[in-house]
N, C-alpha and C. Protein backbone atom coordinates (compact mmCIF):
# COMPACT_ATOMS: atom_id res chain seq x y z
N MET A 1 0.61 -0.73 -0.16
CA MET A 1 0.04 -0.15 0.19
C MET A 1 0.90 1.47 0.20
N LYS A 2 1.98 1.26 -0.12
CA LYS A 2 2.90 2.24 -0.06
C LYS A 2 2.95 3.32 -1.00
N ILE A 3 2.18 2.85 -2.36
CA ILE A 3 1.68 3.72 -3.41
C ILE A 3 -0.10 4.27 -3.85
N GLY A 4 -0.67 3.74 -2.21
CA GLY A 4 -1.91 4.00 -2.26
C GLY A 4 -2.87 3.04 -3.40
N ILE A 5 -2.13 1.96 -3.72
CA ILE A 5 -2.80 1.03 -4.50
C ILE A 5 -3.08 -0.46 -3.81
N ASN A 6 -4.09 -0.97 -3.79
CA ASN A 6 -4.69 -2.45 -3.40
C ASN A 6 -4.80 -3.44 -4.08
N ALA A 7 -4.19 -4.53 -3.76
CA ALA A 7 -3.97 -5.46 -4.87
C ALA A 7 -4.32 -6.65 -4.14
N VAL A 8 -5.18 -7.62 -4.77
CA VAL A 8 -5.38 -8.55 -4.50
C VAL A 8 -4.80 -10.00 -5.45
N ALA A 9 -4.58 -10.99 -4.84
CA ALA A 9 -4.61 -12.21 -5.80
C ALA A 9 -5.21 -13.49 -5.14
N GLU A 10 -6.05 -14.42 -5.96
CA GLU A 10 -6.51 -14.99 -5.63
C GLU A 10 -6.48 -16.54 -6.24
N GLN A 11 -5.72 -17.34 -5.75
CA GLN A 11 -6.05 -18.53 -6.65
C GLN A 11 -7.47 -19.51 -6.31
N ASP A 12 -7.85 -19.39 -5.70
CA ASP A 12 -9.70 -20.01 -5.44
C ASP A 12 -11.02 -19.86 -6.26
N ILE A 13 -11.41 -20.24 -7.01
CA ILE A 13 -12.39 -19.38 -8.01
C ILE A 13 -13.32 -19.01 -7.15
N HIS A 14 -13.67 -19.66 -5.62
CA HIS A 14 -14.66 -19.15 -5.23
C HIS A 14 -14.59 -18.27 -4.25
N ALA A 15 -13.10 -17.99 -3.74
CA ALA A 15 -12.76 -16.64 -3.07
C ALA A 15 -12.63 -15.53 -3.75
N LEU A 16 -12.21 -15.54 -4.94
CA LEU A 16 -12.04 -14.89 -6.08
C LEU A 16 -13.64 -14.11 -7.00
N LEU A 17 -14.30 -14.95 -6.79
CA LEU A 17 -16.02 -14.54 -6.97
C LEU A 17 -16.42 -13.72 -6.20
N ALA A 18 -15.92 -13.48 -4.73
CA ALA A 18 -16.57 -13.06 -3.57
C ALA A 18 -15.67 -11.60 -3.91
N SER A 19 -14.38 -11.61 -4.04
CA SER A 19 -13.96 -10.38 -4.39
C SER A 19 -14.34 -9.70 -5.53
N VAL A 20 -14.61 -10.06 -6.41
CA VAL A 20 -15.16 -9.73 -7.45
C VAL A 20 -16.73 -8.79 -7.23
N GLN A 21 -16.97 -9.55 -6.21
CA GLN A 21 -18.40 -9.38 -5.75
C GLN A 21 -18.19 -7.63 -5.09
N ALA A 22 -16.95 -7.55 -4.50
CA ALA A 22 -16.67 -6.25 -3.73
C ALA A 22 -16.16 -5.09 -4.43
N MET A 23 -16.03 -5.15 -5.31
CA MET A 23 -15.48 -4.45 -6.67
C MET A 23 -16.14 -3.11 -6.77
N ARG A 24 -15.37 -1.99 -6.93
CA ARG A 24 -16.31 -0.87 -7.64
C ARG A 24 -16.00 -0.53 -9.07
N PRO A 25 -16.67 0.43 -9.42
CA PRO A 25 -16.79 1.22 -10.75
C PRO A 25 -15.07 1.37 -11.17
N GLY A 26 -14.31 1.33 -12.03
CA GLY A 26 -12.83 1.91 -11.82
C GLY A 26 -11.98 1.02 -11.38
N ASP A 27 -12.39 -0.13 -10.75
CA ASP A 27 -11.37 -1.45 -10.60
C ASP A 27 -10.94 -1.66 -11.45
N MET A 28 -10.08 -2.76 -11.40
CA MET A 28 -9.43 -3.47 -12.42
C MET A 28 -9.37 -5.16 -11.91
N LEU A 29 -9.54 -5.97 -12.81
CA LEU A 29 -9.42 -6.98 -12.91
C LEU A 29 -8.23 -7.84 -13.82
N LEU A 30 -7.71 -8.55 -13.59
CA LEU A 30 -6.58 -9.18 -14.53
C LEU A 30 -6.38 -10.34 -14.25
N ALA A 31 -6.71 -10.76 -15.15
CA ALA A 31 -7.26 -12.66 -15.24
C ALA A 31 -6.50 -13.09 -15.84
N ILE A 32 -5.41 -14.15 -15.38
CA ILE A 32 -4.50 -15.01 -16.06
C ILE A 32 -4.82 -16.21 -16.03
N SER A 33 -5.07 -16.97 -17.25
CA SER A 33 -5.27 -18.47 -17.30
C SER A 33 -4.06 -19.01 -18.46
N TYR A 34 -3.64 -20.28 -17.82
CA TYR A 34 -2.74 -20.89 -18.46
C TYR A 34 -3.41 -21.55 -19.86
N THR A 35 -4.44 -21.96 -20.01
CA THR A 35 -5.12 -22.63 -21.21
C THR A 35 -6.12 -21.40 -21.80
N GLY A 36 -6.41 -21.07 -20.89
CA GLY A 36 -7.93 -20.23 -21.54
C GLY A 36 -9.22 -21.05 -21.44
N ASP A 37 -9.70 -21.91 -20.83
CA ASP A 37 -10.58 -22.97 -20.97
C ASP A 37 -11.20 -22.94 -20.03
N ARG A 38 -10.99 -22.17 -18.83
CA ARG A 38 -11.62 -22.20 -17.60
C ARG A 38 -12.82 -21.08 -17.92
N LYS A 39 -13.85 -21.88 -17.68
CA LYS A 39 -15.40 -21.13 -17.83
C LYS A 39 -15.35 -20.10 -16.62
N GLU A 40 -15.03 -20.60 -15.19
CA GLU A 40 -15.08 -19.82 -14.17
C GLU A 40 -14.33 -18.74 -14.37
N ILE A 41 -12.73 -18.32 -15.17
CA ILE A 41 -12.49 -17.37 -15.54
C ILE A 41 -12.97 -16.09 -16.11
N THR A 42 -13.66 -16.77 -17.45
CA THR A 42 -14.94 -16.02 -17.87
C THR A 42 -15.46 -15.68 -17.67
N LEU A 43 -16.51 -16.21 -16.42
CA LEU A 43 -17.87 -15.77 -15.63
C LEU A 43 -17.22 -14.54 -14.67
N VAL A 44 -16.09 -14.60 -13.87
CA VAL A 44 -15.18 -13.48 -12.98
C VAL A 44 -15.27 -12.26 -14.27
N ALA A 45 -14.58 -12.54 -14.86
CA ALA A 45 -14.41 -11.36 -15.91
C ALA A 45 -15.86 -10.82 -15.86
N GLN A 46 -16.68 -11.27 -16.68
CA GLN A 46 -18.19 -11.44 -17.26
C GLN A 46 -18.66 -10.19 -15.66
N GLU A 47 -18.49 -10.79 -14.52
CA GLU A 47 -19.23 -10.03 -12.92
C GLU A 47 -18.26 -8.79 -13.19
N ALA A 48 -16.94 -8.64 -13.07
CA ALA A 48 -16.37 -7.66 -12.97
C ALA A 48 -16.62 -6.62 -14.35
N ALA A 49 -17.20 -7.10 -15.34
CA ALA A 49 -17.32 -6.03 -16.08
C ALA A 49 -18.64 -5.61 -16.06
N GLN A 50 -19.98 -6.36 -15.87
CA GLN A 50 -20.92 -5.64 -15.09
C GLN A 50 -20.85 -4.70 -13.79
N ILE A 51 -20.13 -5.04 -13.46
CA ILE A 51 -20.07 -3.88 -12.24
C ILE A 51 -19.05 -2.32 -12.63
N GLY A 52 -18.63 -2.72 -13.77
CA GLY A 52 -17.76 -1.64 -14.33
C GLY A 52 -16.53 -1.60 -14.42
N ALA A 53 -15.87 -2.58 -13.66
CA ALA A 53 -14.52 -2.93 -13.56
C ALA A 53 -14.02 -3.15 -14.40
């Protein structure tokens, strides 16, 4: 928090979904997938986009 930016890294999909629900418009989600085949990552990205993140 030295530069005033909070960052969270989640590996568990359920914890990630909870974190996305706490996001606000203007927040950023960086989703990284090794294969790009995980439907859960797409779901999380869509949820963040609906919030305006």
